[in-house]
PDB file of N, CA and C in Angstrom:
ATOM      1  N   MET A   1    -138.870-257.369 190.537  1.00  0.00           N
ATOM      2  CA  MET A   1    -137.427-257.217 191.440  1.00  0.00           C
ATOM      3  C   MET A   1    -136.408-258.585 191.576  1.00  0.00           C
ATOM      4  N   GLU A   2    -136.538-258.686 192.831  1.00  0.00           N
ATOM      5  CA  GLU A   2    -135.777-259.953 192.934  1.00  0.00           C
ATOM      6  C   GLU A   2    -136.620-261.308 193.137  1.00  0.00           C
ATOM      7  N   LYS A   3    -136.019-262.600 192.757  1.00  0.00           N
ATOM      8  CA  LYS A   3    -136.866-263.755 192.582  1.00  0.00           C
ATOM      9  C   LYS A   3    -137.166-264.101 194.338  1.00  0.00           C
ATOM     10  N   PRO A   4    -138.583-264.224 194.229  1.00  0.00           N
ATOM     11  CA  PRO A   4    -138.919-264.905 195.521  1.00  0.00           C
ATOM     12  C   PRO A   4    -138.110-266.104 195.734  1.00  0.00           C
ATOM     13  N   GLY A   5    -138.139-265.808 197.309  1.00  0.00           N
ATOM     14  CA  GLY A   5    -137.217-267.174 198.002  1.00  0.00           C
ATOM     15  C   GLY A   5    -135.893-266.940 197.516  1.00  0.00           C
ATOM     16  N   ARG A   6    -135.457-266.191 197.116  1.00  0.00           N
ATOM     17  CA  ARG A   6    -133.827-265.690 196.844  1.00  0.00           C
ATOM     18  C   ARG A   6    -133.378-264.906 198.059  1.00  0.00           C
ATOM     19  N   PHE A   7    -132.559-265.218 198.842  1.00  0.00           N
ATOM     20  CA  PHE A   7    -132.205-264.312 199.732  1.00  0.00           C
ATOM     21  C   PHE A   7    -131.306-263.155 199.076  1.00  0.00           C
ATOM     22  N   VAL A   8    -131.150-261.863 199.524  1.00  0.00           N
ATOM     23  CA  VAL A   8    -130.374-260.967 199.290  1.00  0.00           C
ATOM     24  C   VAL A   8    -129.274-260.592 200.294  1.00  0.00           C
ATOM     25  N   GLU A   9    -128.163-261.008 200.192  1.00  0.00           N
ATOM     26  CA  GLU A   9    -127.045-261.124 201.186  1.00  0.00           C
ATOM     27  C   GLU A   9    -126.403-259.323 201.075  1.00  0.00           C
ATOM     28  N   ARG A  10    -126.228-258.930 199.812  1.00  0.00           N
ATOM     29  CA  ARG A  10    -125.281-257.974 199.811  1.00  0.00           C
ATOM     30  C   ARG A  10    -125.788-256.881 199.007  1.00  0.00           C
ATOM     31  N   GLY A  11    -125.841-255.552 198.996  1.00  0.00           N
ATOM     32  CA  GLY A  11    -126.279-254.733 197.983  1.00  0.00           C
ATOM     33  C   GLY A  11    -126.281-255.249 196.491  1.00  0.00           C
ATOM     34  N   ARG A  12    -125.130-255.584 196.206  1.00  0.00           N
ATOM     35  CA  ARG A  12    -124.355-255.786 195.179  1.00  0.00           C
ATOM     36  C   ARG A  12    -125.502-257.328 194.486  1.00  0.00           C
ATOM     37  N   ASP A  13    -126.401-257.962 195.310  1.00  0.00           N
ATOM     38  CA  ASP A  13    -127.088-259.054 194.913  1.00  0.00           C
ATOM     39  C   ASP A  13    -128.475-258.445 194.395  1.00  0.00           C
ATOM     40  N   LEU A  14    -128.662-257.174 194.780  1.00  0.00           N
ATOM     41  CA  LEU A  14    -129.873-256.617 194.230  1.00  0.00           C
ATOM     42  C   LEU A  14    -130.063-256.604 192.700  1.00  0.00           C
ATOM     43  N   GLU A  15    -131.093-256.870 191.867  1.00  0.00           N
ATOM     44  CA  GLU A  15    -131.087-256.594 190.315  1.00  0.00           C
ATOM     45  C   GLU A  15    -130.609-255.033 189.911  1.00  0.00           C
ATOM     46  N   ALA A  16    -131.197-254.491 190.776  1.00  0.00           N
ATOM     47  CA  ALA A  16    -131.071-252.729 190.199  1.00  0.00           C
ATOM     48  C   ALA A  16    -129.675-252.568 190.096  1.00  0.00           C
ATOM     49  N   TYR A  17    -128.696-252.804 191.048  1.00  0.00           N
ATOM     50  CA  TYR A  17    -127.641-252.399 191.247  1.00  0.00           C
ATOM     51  C   TYR A  17    -126.583-253.134 190.167  1.00  0.00           C
ATOM     52  N   LYS A  18    -127.140-254.895 189.761  1.00  0.00           N
ATOM     53  CA  LYS A  18    -126.464-255.590 188.791  1.00  0.00           C
ATOM     54  C   LYS A  18    -126.698-254.565 187.549  1.00  0.00           C
ATOM     55  N   ARG A  19    -127.988-254.435 187.272  1.00  0.00           N
ATOM     56  CA  ARG A  19    -128.241-253.523 185.791  1.00  0.00           C
ATOM     57  C   ARG A  19    -127.388-252.322 185.713  1.00  0.00           C
ATOM     58  N   ALA A  20    -127.296-251.497 186.977  1.00  0.00           N
ATOM     59  CA  ALA A  20    -126.889-250.073 187.070  1.00  0.00           C
ATOM     60  C   ALA A  20    -125.372-250.116 186.897  1.00  0.00           C
ATOM     61  N   TYR A  21    -124.593-251.353 187.403  1.00  0.00           N
ATOM     62  CA  TYR A  21    -123.212-251.433 187.457  1.00  0.00           C
ATOM     63  C   TYR A  21    -122.801-251.933 185.861  1.00  0.00           C
ATOM     64  N   ALA A  22    -123.656-252.784 185.273  1.00  0.00           N
ATOM     65  CA  ALA A  22    -123.391-252.865 183.784  1.00  0.00           C
ATOM     66  C   ALA A  22    -123.399-251.675 182.857  1.00  0.00           C
ATOM     67  N   VAL A  23    -124.500-251.102 183.073  1.00  0.00           N
ATOM     68  CA  VAL A  23    -124.728-249.386 182.551  1.00  0.00           C
ATOM     69  C   VAL A  23    -123.281-248.691 182.643  1.00  0.00           C
ATOM     70  N   SER A  24    -123.094-248.762 184.008  1.00  0.00           N
ATOM     71  CA  SER A  24    -121.958-247.673 184.639  1.00  0.00           C
ATOM     72  C   SER A  24    -120.648-248.110 183.810  1.00  0.00           C
ATOM     73  N   LEU A  25    -120.544-249.598 183.607  1.00  0.00           N
ATOM     74  CA  LEU A  25    -119.456-249.929 182.765  1.00  0.00           C
ATOM     75  C   LEU A  25    -119.218-249.380 181.278  1.00  0.00           C
ATOM     76  N   GLU A  26    -120.629-249.576 180.890  1.00  0.00           N
ATOM     77  CA  GLU A  26    -120.870-248.935 179.134  1.00  0.00           C
ATOM     78  C   GLU A  26    -120.161-247.310 179.147  1.00  0.00           C
ATOM     79  N   VAL A  27    -120.943-246.722 180.399  1.00  0.00           N
ATOM     80  CA  VAL A  27    -121.273-245.204 180.393  1.00  0.00           C
ATOM     81  C   VAL A  27    -119.515-245.012 180.411  1.00  0.00           C
ATOM     82  N   HIS A  28    -118.990-245.606 181.337  1.00  0.00           N
ATOM     83  CA  HIS A  28    -117.482-245.357 181.802  1.00  0.00           C
ATOM     84  C   HIS A  28    -116.397-245.248 180.514  1.00  0.00           C
ATOM     85  N   ARG A  29    -116.771-246.611 179.820  1.00  0.00           N
ATOM     86  CA  ARG A  29    -115.758-246.852 178.537  1.00  0.00           C
ATOM     87  C   ARG A  29    -116.171-245.886 177.374  1.00  0.00           C
ATOM     88  N   ALA A  30    -117.472-245.271 177.085  1.00  0.00           N
ATOM     89  CA  ALA A  30    -117.740-244.485 176.324  1.00  0.00           C
ATOM     90  C   ALA A  30    -117.512-242.997 176.628  1.00  0.00           C
ATOM     91  N   THR A  31    -117.295-242.568 177.719  1.00  0.00           N
ATOM     92  CA  THR A  31    -116.974-241.564 178.224  1.00  0.00           C
ATOM     93  C   THR A  31    -115.593-241.070 177.873  1.00  0.00           C
ATOM     94  N   LEU A  32    -114.530-242.167 177.622  1.00  0.00           N
ATOM     95  CA  LEU A  32    -113.205-241.962 177.589  1.00  0.00           C
ATOM     96  C   LEU A  32    -112.903-241.941 176.268  1.00  0.00           C
ATOM     97  N   THR A  33    -113.973-241.782 175.198  1.00  0.00           N
ATOM     98  CA  THR A  33    -113.832-241.398 173.721  1.00  0.00           C
ATOM     99  C   THR A  33    -114.420-239.947 173.860  1.00  0.00           C
ATOM    100  N   PHE A  34    -114.823-239.158 174.785  1.00  0.00           N
ATOM    101  CA  PHE A  34    -115.347-237.848 174.648  1.00  0.00           C
ATOM    102  C   PHE A  34    -114.117-237.128 174.312  1.00  0.00           C
ATOM    103  N   PRO A  35    -114.078-236.113 173.850  1.00  0.00           N
ATOM    104  CA  PRO A  35    -113.103-234.909 173.908  1.00  0.00           C
ATOM    105  C   PRO A  35    -112.460-234.949 175.088  1.00  0.00           C
ATOM    106  N   LYS A  36    -111.133-234.248 174.997  1.00  0.00           N
ATOM    107  CA  LYS A  36    -110.400-234.070 176.102  1.00  0.00           C
ATOM    108  C   LYS A  36    -111.068-232.833 176.957  1.00  0.00           C
ATOM    109  N   ILE A  37    -111.510-231.993 176.458  1.00  0.00           N
ATOM    110  CA  ILE A  37    -111.953-230.623 176.974  1.00  0.00           C
ATOM    111  C   ILE A  37    -113.168-231.126 178.125  1.00  0.00           C
ATOM    112  N   GLU A  38    -113.745-232.467 177.573  1.00  0.00           N
ATOM    113  CA  GLU A  38    -114.785-232.969 178.590  1.00  0.00           C
ATOM    114  C   GLU A  38    -114.371-233.969 179.589  1.00  0.00           C
ATOM    115  N   GLN A  39    -113.281-234.263 179.595  1.00  0.00           N
ATOM    116  CA  GLN A  39    -112.973-235.080 180.509  1.00  0.00           C
ATOM    117  C   GLN A  39    -113.146-235.113 181.979  1.00  0.00           C
ATOM    118  N   TYR A  40    -112.851-233.474 182.564  1.00  0.00           N
ATOM    119  CA  TYR A  40    -113.131-233.351 184.149  1.00  0.00           C
ATOM    120  C   TYR A  40    -114.491-232.414 183.897  1.00  0.00           C
ATOM    121  N   ALA A  41    -115.402-232.530 182.884  1.00  0.00           N
ATOM    122  CA  ALA A  41    -116.688-231.723 182.961  1.00  0.00           C
ATOM    123  C   ALA A  41    -117.775-233.261 182.726  1.00  0.00           C
ATOM    124  N   LEU A  42    -118.014-232.806 181.374  1.00  0.00           N
ATOM    125  CA  LEU A  42    -119.424-233.937 181.215  1.00  0.00           C
ATOM    126  C   LEU A  42    -118.795-235.445 181.663  1.00  0.00           C
ATOM    127  N   SER A  43    -117.926-235.842 180.877  1.00  0.00           N
ATOM    128  CA  SER A  43    -117.498-237.312 181.178  1.00  0.00           C
ATOM    129  C   SER A  43    -117.449-237.557 182.705  1.00  0.00           C
ATOM    130  N   ASP A  44    -116.732-236.641 183.601  1.00  0.00           N
ATOM    131  CA  ASP A  44    -116.528-236.812 184.977  1.00  0.00           C
ATOM    132  C   ASP A  44    -118.112-236.840 185.512  1.00  0.00           C
ATOM    133  N   GLN A  45    -119.068-235.916 185.206  1.00  0.00           N
ATOM    134  CA  GLN A  45    -120.219-235.852 185.686  1.00  0.00           C
ATOM    135  C   GLN A  45    -121.179-236.972 185.234  1.00  0.00           C
ATOM    136  N   LEU A  46    -121.120-237.683 184.273  1.00  0.00           N
ATOM    137  CA  LEU A  46    -121.686-238.518 183.864  1.00  0.00           C
ATOM    138  C   LEU A  46    -120.986-240.116 184.396  1.00  0.00           C
ATOM    139  N   ARG A  47    -120.036-240.200 184.545  1.00  0.00           N
ATOM    140  CA  ARG A  47    -119.551-241.416 185.278  1.00  0.00           C
ATOM    141  C   ARG A  47    -119.612-241.489 186.805  1.00  0.00           C
ATOM    142  N   ARG A  48    -119.878-240.215 187.430  1.00  0.00           N
ATOM    143  CA  ARG A  48    -120.000-240.049 188.924  1.00  0.00           C
ATOM    144  C   ARG A  48    -121.453-240.443 189.077  1.00  0.00           C
ATOM    145  N   SER A  49    -122.349-240.098 188.475  1.00  0.00           N
ATOM    146  CA  SER A  49    -123.802-240.237 188.219  1.00  0.00           C
ATOM    147  C   SER A  49    -124.023-241.514 188.110  1.00  0.00           C
ATOM    148  N   SER A  50    -123.765-242.239 187.182  1.00  0.00           N
ATOM    149  CA  SER A  50    -123.991-243.653 186.827  1.00  0.00           C
ATOM    150  C   SER A  50    -123.165-244.437 187.838  1.00  0.00           C
ATOM    151  N   LYS A  51    -122.307-244.219 188.513  1.00  0.00           N
ATOM    152  CA  LYS A  51    -121.524-244.941 189.592  1.00  0.00           C
ATOM    153  C   LYS A  51    -122.447-245.232 191.122  1.00  0.00           C
ATOM    154  N   GLY A  52    -123.008-243.660 190.928  1.00  0.00           N
ATOM    155  CA  GLY A  52    -123.585-243.293 192.447  1.00  0.00           C
ATOM    156  C   GLY A  52    -124.613-244.152 192.604  1.00  0.00           C
ATOM    157  N   ILE A  53    -125.331-244.349 191.599  1.00  0.00           N
ATOM    158  CA  ILE A  53    -126.789-245.551 191.838  1.00  0.00           C
ATOM    159  C   ILE A  53    -126.139-246.742 192.969  1.00  0.00           C
ATOM    160  N   CYS A  54    -125.212-247.437 192.033  1.00  0.00           N
ATOM    161  CA  CYS A  54    -124.478-248.596 193.080  1.00  0.00           C
ATOM    162  C   CYS A  54    -124.151-248.229 194.200  1.00  0.00           C
ATOM    163  N   ALA A  55    -123.290-247.269 194.079  1.00  0.00           N
ATOM    164  CA  ALA A  55    -122.826-246.714 195.738  1.00  0.00           C
ATOM    165  C   ALA A  55    -123.554-246.486 196.474  1.00  0.00           C
ATOM    166  N   ASN A  56    -124.476-245.924 196.214  1.00  0.00           N
ATOM    167  CA  ASN A  56    -125.616-245.601 197.040  1.00  0.00           C
ATOM    168  C   ASN A  56    -126.437-246.684 197.660  1.00  0.00           C
ATOM    169  N   LEU A  57    -126.795-247.651 196.595  1.00  0.00           N
ATOM    170  CA  LEU A  57    -127.498-248.699 197.049  1.00  0.00           C
ATOM    171  C   LEU A  57    -126.691-249.795 197.770  1.00  0.00           C
ATOM    172  N   ALA A  58    -125.189-249.744 197.610  1.00  0.00           N
ATOM    173  CA  ALA A  58    -124.127-250.441 198.439  1.00  0.00           C
ATOM    174  C   ALA A  58    -124.223-250.150 199.985  1.00  0.00           C
ATOM    175  N   GLU A  59    -124.282-248.646 200.076  1.00  0.00           N
ATOM    176  CA  GLU A  59    -123.983-248.109 201.122  1.00  0.00           C
ATOM    177  C   GLU A  59    -125.254-248.295 201.828  1.00  0.00           C
ATOM    178  N   GLY A  60    -126.304-248.103 201.328  1.00  0.00           N
ATOM    179  CA  GLY A  60    -127.751-248.033 202.082  1.00  0.00           C
ATOM    180  C   GLY A  60    -128.097-249.546 202.284  1.00  0.00           C
ATOM    181  N   PHE A  61    -127.783-250.380 201.725  1.00  0.00           N
ATOM    182  CA  PHE A  61    -128.010-251.859 202.177  1.00  0.00           C
ATOM    183  C   PHE A  61    -127.482-252.024 203.478  1.00  0.00           C
ATOM    184  N   ALA A  62    -126.015-251.844 203.133  1.00  0.00           N
ATOM    185  CA  ALA A  62    -125.012-252.035 204.378  1.00  0.00           C
ATOM    186  C   ALA A  62    -125.433-251.674 205.737  1.00  0.00           C
ATOM    187  N   LYS A  63    -126.582-250.176 205.659  1.00  0.00           N
ATOM    188  CA  LYS A  63    -127.119-249.847 206.835  1.00  0.00           C
ATOM    189  C   LYS A  63    -128.595-250.124 207.377  1.00  0.00           C
ATOM    190  N   GLN A  64    -128.821-250.849 206.401  1.00  0.00           N
ATOM    191  CA  GLN A  64    -130.301-251.252 206.812  1.00  0.00           C
ATOM    192  C   GLN A  64    -130.477-252.333 207.866  1.00  0.00           C
ATOM    193  N   SER A  65    -129.780-253.015 208.344  1.00  0.00           N
ATOM    194  CA  SER A  65    -129.859-253.531 209.816  1.00  0.00           C
ATOM    195  C   SER A  65    -130.048-252.687 210.945  1.00  0.00           C
ATOM    196  N   HIS A  66    -129.561-251.309 210.646  1.00  0.00           N
ATOM    197  CA  HIS A  66    -129.835-250.443 211.635  1.00  0.00           C
ATOM    198  C   HIS A  66    -131.337-249.332 211.448  1.00  0.00           C
ATOM    199  N   SER A  67    -131.460-249.444 209.987  1.00  0.00           N
ATOM    200  CA  SER A  67    -132.508-248.751 209.788  1.00  0.00           C
ATOM    201  C   SER A  67    -133.206-248.753 208.214  1.00  0.00           C
ATOM    202  N   LYS A  68    -134.259-249.226 208.424  1.00  0.00           N
ATOM    203  CA  LYS A  68    -134.836-249.513 207.214  1.00  0.00           C
ATOM    204  C   LYS A  68    -135.214-248.223 206.334  1.00  0.00           C
ATOM    205  N   ALA A  69    -135.445-246.888 207.181  1.00  0.00           N
ATOM    206  CA  ALA A  69    -135.807-245.675 206.614  1.00  0.00           C
ATOM    207  C   ALA A  69    -134.258-244.853 206.276  1.00  0.00           C
ATOM    208  N   GLU A  70    -133.228-245.759 206.636  1.00  0.00           N
ATOM    209  CA  GLU A  70    -132.140-244.949 206.247  1.00  0.00           C
ATOM    210  C   GLU A  70    -131.625-245.523 204.651  1.00  0.00           C
ATOM    211  N   PHE A  71    -132.080-246.837 204.689  1.00  0.00           N
ATOM    212  CA  PHE A  71    -131.597-247.750 203.571  1.00  0.00           C
ATOM    213  C   PHE A  71    -132.630-246.859 202.221  1.00  0.00           C
ATOM    214  N   ALA A  72    -133.888-246.573 202.713  1.00  0.00           N
ATOM    215  CA  ALA A  72    -134.883-245.987 201.894  1.00  0.00           C
ATOM    216  C   ALA A  72    -134.554-244.732 201.289  1.00  0.00           C
ATOM    217  N   ARG A  73    -133.678-243.736 202.323  1.00  0.00           N
ATOM    218  CA  ARG A  73    -133.245-242.805 201.841  1.00  0.00           C
ATOM    219  C   ARG A  73    -132.082-242.909 200.899  1.00  0.00           C
ATOM    220  N   PHE A  74    -131.203-243.610 201.089  1.00  0.00           N
ATOM    221  CA  PHE A  74    -129.844-244.186 199.968  1.00  0.00           C
ATOM    222  C   PHE A  74    -130.591-244.543 198.859  1.00  0.00           C
ATOM    223  N   VAL A  75    -132.043-245.335 198.750  1.00  0.00           N
ATOM    224  CA  VAL A  75    -132.316-245.476 197.723  1.00  0.00           C
ATOM    225  C   VAL A  75    -132.744-244.285 196.701  1.00  0.00           C
ATOM    226  N   SER A  76    -133.583-243.335 197.444  1.00  0.00           N
ATOM    227  CA  SER A  76    -134.038-241.997 197.123  1.00  0.00           C
ATOM    228  C   SER A  76    -132.355-241.400 196.513  1.00  0.00           C
ATOM    229  N   MET A  77    -131.647-241.692 197.029  1.00  0.00           N
ATOM    230  CA  MET A  77    -130.515-240.890 196.572  1.00  0.00           C
ATOM    231  C   MET A  77    -129.929-241.416 195.233  1.00  0.00           C
ATOM    232  N   ALA A  78    -130.031-242.805 194.954  1.00  0.00           N
ATOM    233  CA  ALA A  78    -129.747-243.680 193.823  1.00  0.00           C
ATOM    234  C   ALA A  78    -130.751-243.199 192.834  1.00  0.00           C
ATOM    235  N   ILE A  79    -131.914-243.085 192.931  1.00  0.00           N
ATOM    236  CA  ILE A  79    -132.928-242.482 191.977  1.00  0.00           C
ATOM    237  C   ILE A  79    -132.412-241.091 191.805  1.00  0.00           C
ATOM    238  N   GLY A  80    -132.004-240.441 192.432  1.00  0.00           N
ATOM    239  CA  GLY A  80    -131.622-239.002 192.293  1.00  0.00           C
ATOM    240  C   GLY A  80    -130.362-239.048 191.151  1.00  0.00           C
ATOM    241  N   SER A  81    -129.362-239.959 191.596  1.00  0.00           N
ATOM    242  CA  SER A  81    -128.447-240.456 190.497  1.00  0.00           C
ATOM    243  C   SER A  81    -128.791-240.710 189.057  1.00  0.00           C
ATOM    244  N   CYS A  82    -129.488-241.387 189.111  1.00  0.00           N
ATOM    245  CA  CYS A  82    -130.383-242.187 188.032  1.00  0.00           C
ATOM    246  C   CYS A  82    -130.631-241.317 187.114  1.00  0.00           C
ATOM    247  N   SER A  83    -131.616-240.013 187.758  1.00  0.00           N
ATOM    248  CA  SER A  83    -132.144-239.083 187.113  1.00  0.00           C
ATOM    249  C   SER A  83    -130.930-238.108 186.500  1.00  0.00           C
ATOM    250  N   GLU A  84    -129.821-238.071 187.085  1.00  0.00           N
ATOM    251  CA  GLU A  84    -128.840-237.021 186.823  1.00  0.00           C
ATOM    252  C   GLU A  84    -128.172-237.825 185.514  1.00  0.00           C
ATOM    253  N   ALA A  85    -127.900-239.266 185.562  1.00  0.00           N
ATOM    254  CA  ALA A  85    -127.261-239.724 184.632  1.00  0.00           C
ATOM    255  C   ALA A  85    -128.061-239.559 183.374  1.00  0.00           C
ATOM    256  N   GLU A  86    -129.425-239.589 183.406  1.00  0.00           N
ATOM    257  CA  GLU A  86    -130.185-239.432 182.466  1.00  0.00           C
ATOM    258  C   GLU A  86    -129.952-237.957 181.721  1.00  0.00           C
ATOM    259  N   THR A  87    -130.087-236.908 182.598  1.00  0.00           N
ATOM    260  CA  THR A  87    -129.783-235.795 182.075  1.00  0.00           C
ATOM    261  C   THR A  87    -128.244-235.585 181.316  1.00  0.00           C
ATOM    262  N   TRP A  88    -127.136-236.231 181.865  1.00  0.00           N
ATOM    263  CA  TRP A  88    -125.951-236.221 181.297  1.00  0.00           C
ATOM    264  C   TRP A  88    -126.047-236.938 179.884  1.00  0.00           C
ATOM    265  N   ILE A  89    -126.799-237.812 179.747  1.00  0.00           N
ATOM    266  CA  ILE A  89    -126.512-238.603 178.630  1.00  0.00           C
ATOM    267  C   ILE A  89    -127.341-237.924 177.612  1.00  0.00           C
ATOM    268  N   SER A  90    -128.402-237.080 177.752  1.00  0.00           N
ATOM    269  CA  SER A  90    -128.798-236.113 176.968  1.00  0.00           C
ATOM    270  C   SER A  90    -127.893-235.390 176.202  1.00  0.00           C
ATOM    271  N   TYR A  91    -127.530-234.513 177.312  1.00  0.00           N
ATOM    272  CA  TYR A  91    -126.237-233.660 176.786  1.00  0.00           C
ATOM    273  C   TYR A  91    -125.397-234.206 175.806  1.00  0.00           C
ATOM    274  N   ALA A  92    -124.696-235.433 176.212  1.00  0.00           N
ATOM    275  CA  ALA A  92    -123.778-236.093 175.517  1.00  0.00           C
ATOM    276  C   ALA A  92    -124.153-236.342 173.835  1.00  0.00           C
ATOM    277  N   PHE A  93    -125.434-236.833 174.095  1.00  0.00           N
ATOM    278  CA  PHE A  93    -126.258-236.722 172.867  1.00  0.00           C
ATOM    279  C   PHE A  93    -126.050-235.551 172.019  1.00  0.00           C
ATOM    280  N   ASP A  94    -126.781-234.772 172.562  1.00  0.00           N
ATOM    281  CA  ASP A  94    -127.069-233.206 171.886  1.00  0.00           C
ATOM    282  C   ASP A  94    -125.681-232.770 171.337  1.00  0.00           C
ATOM    283  N   LEU A  95    -124.465-232.929 172.092  1.00  0.00           N
ATOM    284  CA  LEU A  95    -123.196-232.631 171.873  1.00  0.00           C
ATOM    285  C   LEU A  95    -122.411-233.202 170.674  1.00  0.00           C
ATOM    286  N   GLN A  96    -123.549-234.582 170.227  1.00  0.00           N
ATOM    287  CA  GLN A  96    -122.805-235.538 169.607  1.00  0.00           C
ATOM    288  C   GLN A  96    -121.627-236.169 169.862  1.00  0.00           C
ATOM    289  N   TYR A  97    -121.424-236.612 171.252  1.00  0.00           N
ATOM    290  CA  TYR A  97    -120.483-237.408 171.705  1.00  0.00           C
ATOM    291  C   TYR A  97    -121.148-238.997 171.469  1.00  0.00           C
ATOM    292  N   ILE A  98    -122.303-239.330 171.599  1.00  0.00           N
ATOM    293  CA  ILE A  98    -122.828-240.680 171.507  1.00  0.00           C
ATOM    294  C   ILE A  98    -123.974-240.557 170.214  1.00  0.00           C
ATOM    295  N   SER A  99    -123.964-241.958 170.077  1.00  0.00           N
ATOM    296  CA  SER A  99    -125.240-242.039 168.705  1.00  0.00           C
ATOM    297  C   SER A  99    -126.570-242.278 169.455  1.00  0.00           C
ATOM    298  N   ARG A 100    -127.579-242.246 168.349  1.00  0.00           N
ATOM    299  CA  ARG A 100    -128.831-242.102 168.669  1.00  0.00           C
ATOM    300  C   ARG A 100    -129.130-243.508 169.320  1.00  0.00           C
ATOM    301  N   PRO A 101    -128.852-244.693 168.482  1.00  0.00           N
ATOM    302  CA  PRO A 101    -128.863-245.981 169.151  1.00  0.00           C
ATOM    303  C   PRO A 101    -128.297-245.727 170.583  1.00  0.00           C
ATOM    304  N   GLN A 102    -126.989-245.410 170.976  1.00  0.00           N
ATOM    305  CA  GLN A 102    -126.340-245.479 172.349  1.00  0.00           C
ATOM    306  C   GLN A 102    -127.490-244.868 173.406  1.00  0.00           C
ATOM    307  N   LEU A 103    -127.779-243.744 172.808  1.00  0.00           N
ATOM    308  CA  LEU A 103    -128.710-242.820 173.909  1.00  0.00           C
ATOM    309  C   LEU A 103    -130.078-243.497 174.134  1.00  0.00           C
ATOM    310  N   ASP A 104    -130.571-244.074 173.054  1.00  0.00           N
ATOM    311  CA  ASP A 104    -131.923-244.905 172.913  1.00  0.00           C
ATOM    312  C   ASP A 104    -131.598-246.067 174.268  1.00  0.00           C
ATOM    313  N   ALA A 105    -130.454-246.684 174.219  1.00  0.00           N
ATOM    314  CA  ALA A 105    -130.293-247.974 174.924  1.00  0.00           C
ATOM    315  C   ALA A 105    -130.050-247.554 176.467  1.00  0.00           C
ATOM    316  N   TRP A 106    -129.507-246.690 176.402  1.00  0.00           N
ATOM    317  CA  TRP A 106    -129.130-245.937 177.758  1.00  0.00           C
ATOM    318  C   TRP A 106    -130.345-245.503 178.628  1.00  0.00           C
ATOM    319  N   ARG A 107    -131.326-244.851 177.642  1.00  0.00           N
ATOM    320  CA  ARG A 107    -132.195-244.235 178.249  1.00  0.00           C
ATOM    321  C   ARG A 107    -133.281-245.571 178.571  1.00  0.00           C
ATOM    322  N   GLN A 108    -133.239-246.514 177.969  1.00  0.00           N
ATOM    323  CA  GLN A 108    -134.164-247.435 178.139  1.00  0.00           C
ATOM    324  C   GLN A 108    -133.438-248.095 179.637  1.00  0.00           C
ATOM    325  N   SER A 109    -132.265-248.273 179.155  1.00  0.00           N
ATOM    326  CA  SER A 109    -131.745-248.985 181.041  1.00  0.00           C
ATOM    327  C   SER A 109    -132.110-248.318 181.948  1.00  0.00           C
ATOM    328  N   TYR A 110    -131.833-247.009 181.973  1.00  0.00           N
ATOM    329  CA  TYR A 110    -132.270-245.813 183.072  1.00  0.00           C
ATOM    330  C   TYR A 110    -133.493-245.908 183.539  1.00  0.00           C
ATOM    331  N   ALA A 111    -134.197-246.125 182.401  1.00  0.00           N
ATOM    332  CA  ALA A 111    -135.605-246.348 182.710  1.00  0.00           C
ATOM    333  C   ALA A 111    -136.441-247.232 183.319  1.00  0.00           C
ATOM    334  N   GLN A 112    -135.491-248.381 183.205  1.00  0.00           N
ATOM    335  CA  GLN A 112    -135.769-249.695 184.000  1.00  0.00           C
ATOM    336  C   GLN A 112    -135.008-249.691 185.273  1.00  0.00           C
ATOM    337  N   ILE A 113    -134.029-249.454 185.543  1.00  0.00           N
ATOM    338  CA  ILE A 113    -133.311-248.991 186.838  1.00  0.00           C
ATOM    339  C   ILE A 113    -134.132-248.356 187.615  1.00  0.00           C
ATOM    340  N   HIS A 114    -134.621-247.046 187.026  1.00  0.00           N
ATOM    341  CA  HIS A 114    -135.349-246.404 187.744  1.00  0.00           C
ATOM    342  C   HIS A 114    -136.629-246.712 188.338  1.00  0.00           C
ATOM    343  N   GLY A 115    -137.312-247.415 187.486  1.00  0.00           N
ATOM    344  CA  GLY A 115    -138.604-248.178 188.192  1.00  0.00           C
ATOM    345  C   GLY A 115    -138.374-249.225 189.132  1.00  0.00           C
ATOM    346  N   MET A 116    -137.079-249.782 188.848  1.00  0.00           N
ATOM    347  CA  MET A 116    -136.727-250.934 189.836  1.00  0.00           C
ATOM    348  C   MET A 116    -136.450-250.005 191.257  1.00  0.00           C
ATOM    349  N   LEU A 117    -135.935-249.048 191.504  1.00  0.00           N
ATOM    350  CA  LEU A 117    -135.300-248.317 192.279  1.00  0.00           C
ATOM    351  C   LEU A 117    -136.656-247.647 193.295  1.00  0.00           C
ATOM    352  N   VAL A 118    -137.865-247.125 192.304  1.00  0.00           N
ATOM    353  CA  VAL A 118    -138.665-246.601 192.786  1.00  0.00           C
ATOM    354  C   VAL A 118    -139.787-247.696 193.291  1.00  0.00           C
ATOM    355  N   SER A 119    -139.847-249.175 192.896  1.00  0.00           N
ATOM    356  CA  SER A 119    -140.356-249.885 193.551  1.00  0.00           C
ATOM    357  C   SER A 119    -139.966-250.573 195.191  1.00  0.00           C
ATOM    358  N   LEU A 120    -138.399-250.588 194.932  1.00  0.00           N
ATOM    359  CA  LEU A 120    -137.702-251.206 196.223  1.00  0.00           C
ATOM    360  C   LEU A 120    -137.917-250.033 197.215  1.00  0.00           C
ATOM    361  N   ARG A 121    -138.000-248.765 196.879  1.00  0.00           N
ATOM    362  CA  ARG A 121    -138.491-247.571 197.974  1.00  0.00           C
ATOM    363  C   ARG A 121    -139.575-247.697 198.625  1.00  0.00           C
ATOM    364  N   GLU A 122    -140.570-248.056 197.603  1.00  0.00           N
ATOM    365  CA  GLU A 122    -141.905-248.462 198.079  1.00  0.00           C
ATOM    366  C   GLU A 122    -142.036-249.611 199.167  1.00  0.00           C
ATOM    367  N   LYS A 123    -141.421-250.653 198.944  1.00  0.00           N
ATOM    368  CA  LYS A 123    -141.298-252.026 199.755  1.00  0.00           C
ATOM    369  C   LYS A 123    -140.753-251.425 200.846  1.00  0.00           C
ATOM    370  N   LEU A 124    -140.195-250.489 200.810  1.00  0.00           N
ATOM    371  CA  LEU A 124    -139.025-250.120 202.140  1.00  0.00           C
ATOM    372  C   LEU A 124    -140.252-249.085 203.411  1.00  0.00           C
ATOM    373  N   ALA A 125    -141.054-248.528 202.484  1.00  0.00           N
ATOM    374  CA  ALA A 125    -142.096-247.711 202.985  1.00  0.00           C
ATOM    375  C   ALA A 125    -142.927-248.379 204.154  1.00  0.00           C
TER     376      ALA A 125
END
């Protein structure tokens, strides 16, 4: 998780946010090469779910001063977005829009992010 003794001031300072942001940029760039028919379907779903992780962390973190439970709820939504992104990347691979190495790299990244989010949610409980 976060380094001991380091104060996290914003949601974007969370390690899970940083990793999810980096992967979402890769996903966004890759989906721009998908067939035109997918730009408002699979591409859009994949971009939205990958970006949803960061968006939920940022919003939840901003609300934590009012309620830790509210932050935990947003972390749960980020976990859902992470799982959704994993589903969409499987579709992208099965439709031959991404390569096996890309699928494996994204699966590994999302598995790490998922684990970080679960740990964060447990700390908030």
